[in-house]
Amino acid sequence: MIIGIFGIIIGLVIGFYLPIAFPTIYSPYTSVALLAAIDSVFGAIRATLENKFNSTIFVTGFIGNAIIAGLLAYIGDKMGVPLYYAAIFTFGSRLFQNFAIIRRMLIEKFNNR
């Protein structure tokens, strides 16, 4: 847990103080990859609350989902078809579903105290 918090702090410091910028042409790829990564984080939080967390599954899912989402956006861009909508729909739906489950679990945990 402490390593995760430390990693978040380091990421925030790097994000705020290093001038890292991507060309706007990459924004569809970056946005779906970021959405996929956030979906993986919410899945990890859910798995932790269910005592089913596995770091190997998290890391491979985090990287794999981001790569697949980025590739889907890239292939769709080359074909002239907005395939990134499929990634947005899928990962967005899963993100909200995981959030709802996490919320319910936390409410039940606090109500039982």
Protein backbone atom coordinates (compact mmCIF):
# COMPACT_ATOMS: atom_id res chain seq x y z
CA MET A 1 0.00 0.00 0.00
CA ILE A 2 2.75 2.42 0.92
CA ILE A 3 4.57 1.65 -2.33
CA GLY A 4 1.43 2.51 -4.30
CA ILE A 5 1.02 5.84 -2.51
CA PHE A 6 4.70 6.60 -3.04
CA GLY A 7 4.33 5.80 -6.75
CA ILE A 8 1.33 8.10 -7.07
CA ILE A 9 3.23 10.95 -5.41
CA ILE A 10 6.24 10.46 -7.70
CA GLY A 11 3.96 10.35 -10.75
CA LEU A 12 2.22 13.57 -9.73
CA VAL A 13 5.52 15.37 -9.12
CA ILE A 14 6.88 14.24 -12.49
CA GLY A 15 3.65 15.20 -14.24
CA PHE A 16 3.55 18.68 -12.75
CA TYR A 17 7.21 19.66 -13.03
CA LEU A 18 8.52 18.03 -16.22
CA PRO A 19 7.41 19.66 -19.46
CA ILE A 20 6.22 16.51 -21.21
CA ALA A 21 3.94 17.24 -24.15
CA PHE A 22 2.50 15.03 -26.86
CA PRO A 23 1.54 16.28 -30.30
CA THR A 24 -2.23 16.66 -30.65
CA ILE A 25 -2.25 14.05 -33.42
CA TYR A 26 -1.60 11.41 -30.75
CA SER A 27 -4.47 12.51 -28.48
CA PRO A 28 -6.95 9.78 -29.56
CA TYR A 29 -4.34 7.09 -28.89
CA THR A 30 -3.25 8.58 -25.60
CA SER A 31 -6.79 9.10 -24.36
CA VAL A 32 -7.95 5.53 -24.97
CA ALA A 33 -4.71 4.11 -23.56
CA LEU A 34 -5.19 6.27 -20.46
CA LEU A 35 -8.81 5.16 -20.14
CA ALA A 36 -7.71 1.52 -20.38
CA ALA A 37 -5.06 2.11 -17.71
CA ILE A 38 -7.58 3.77 -15.38
CA ASP A 39 -9.93 0.83 -15.95
CA SER A 40 -7.14 -1.53 -14.87
CA VAL A 41 -6.52 0.52 -11.71
CA PHE A 42 -10.21 0.39 -10.77
CA GLY A 43 -10.15 -3.36 -11.43
CA ALA A 44 -7.16 -3.67 -9.11
CA ILE A 45 -8.93 -1.73 -6.38
CA ARG A 46 -11.96 -3.98 -6.75
CA ALA A 47 -9.79 -7.12 -6.65
CA THR A 48 -8.03 -5.84 -3.54
CA LEU A 49 -11.35 -5.26 -1.77
CA GLU A 50 -12.42 -8.80 -2.76
CA ASN A 51 -9.05 -10.20 -1.57
CA LYS A 52 -8.36 -11.52 -5.08
CA PHE A 53 -5.58 -9.13 -6.16
CA ASN A 54 -2.75 -10.64 -8.20
CA SER A 55 0.08 -8.30 -9.20
CA THR A 56 0.92 -10.30 -12.34
CA ILE A 57 -2.64 -10.07 -13.60
CA PHE A 58 -2.71 -6.35 -12.79
CA VAL A 59 0.54 -5.49 -14.57
CA THR A 60 -0.21 -7.57 -17.66
CA GLY A 61 -3.77 -6.22 -17.82
CA PHE A 62 -2.59 -2.64 -17.31
CA ILE A 63 -0.02 -2.80 -20.10
CA GLY A 64 -2.01 -5.11 -22.38
CA ASN A 65 -5.24 -3.10 -22.20
CA ALA A 66 -3.39 0.16 -22.88
CA ILE A 67 -1.59 -1.35 -25.89
CA ILE A 68 -4.74 -2.95 -27.33
CA ALA A 69 -6.71 0.28 -26.92
CA GLY A 70 -3.95 2.32 -28.56
CA LEU A 71 -3.63 -0.17 -31.42
CA LEU A 72 -7.38 -0.22 -31.94
CA ALA A 73 -7.39 3.57 -32.22
CA TYR A 74 -4.39 3.49 -34.58
CA ILE A 75 -5.83 0.80 -36.87
CA GLY A 76 -9.16 2.59 -36.97
CA ASP A 77 -7.40 5.84 -37.83
CA LYS A 78 -5.54 4.19 -40.72
CA MET A 79 -8.78 2.63 -42.00
CA GLY A 80 -10.70 5.88 -41.62
CA VAL A 81 -13.10 4.29 -39.13
CA PRO A 82 -13.36 5.63 -35.57
CA LEU A 83 -12.66 2.29 -33.86
CA TYR A 84 -11.50 4.08 -30.74
CA TYR A 85 -15.20 4.47 -29.87
CA ALA A 86 -15.26 0.73 -29.19
CA ALA A 87 -12.43 1.09 -26.69
CA ILE A 88 -14.06 4.13 -25.09
CA PHE A 89 -17.37 2.29 -24.74
CA THR A 90 -15.82 -0.92 -23.40
CA PHE A 91 -13.37 0.59 -20.94
CA GLY A 92 -15.77 3.34 -19.92
CA SER A 93 -18.51 0.82 -19.15
CA ARG A 94 -16.14 -1.38 -17.16
CA LEU A 95 -14.76 1.61 -15.29
CA PHE A 96 -18.23 2.71 -14.16
CA GLN A 97 -19.20 -0.87 -13.32
CA ASN A 98 -16.07 -1.36 -11.20
CA PHE A 99 -16.64 2.00 -9.51
CA ALA A 100 -20.22 1.03 -8.64
CA ILE A 101 -19.07 -2.29 -7.16
CA ILE A 102 -16.26 -0.59 -5.20
CA ARG A 103 -18.70 2.00 -3.88
CA ARG A 104 -21.18 -0.68 -2.75
CA MET A 105 -18.45 -2.71 -1.07
CA LEU A 106 -17.12 0.33 0.81
CA ILE A 107 -20.61 1.39 1.91
CA GLU A 108 -21.34 -2.14 3.17
CA LYS A 109 -17.99 -2.25 4.97
CA PHE A 110 -18.63 1.07 6.73
CA ASN A 111 -22.27 0.20 7.56
CA ASN A 112 -21.18 -3.06 9.21
CA ARG A 113 -18.86 -1.24 11.62
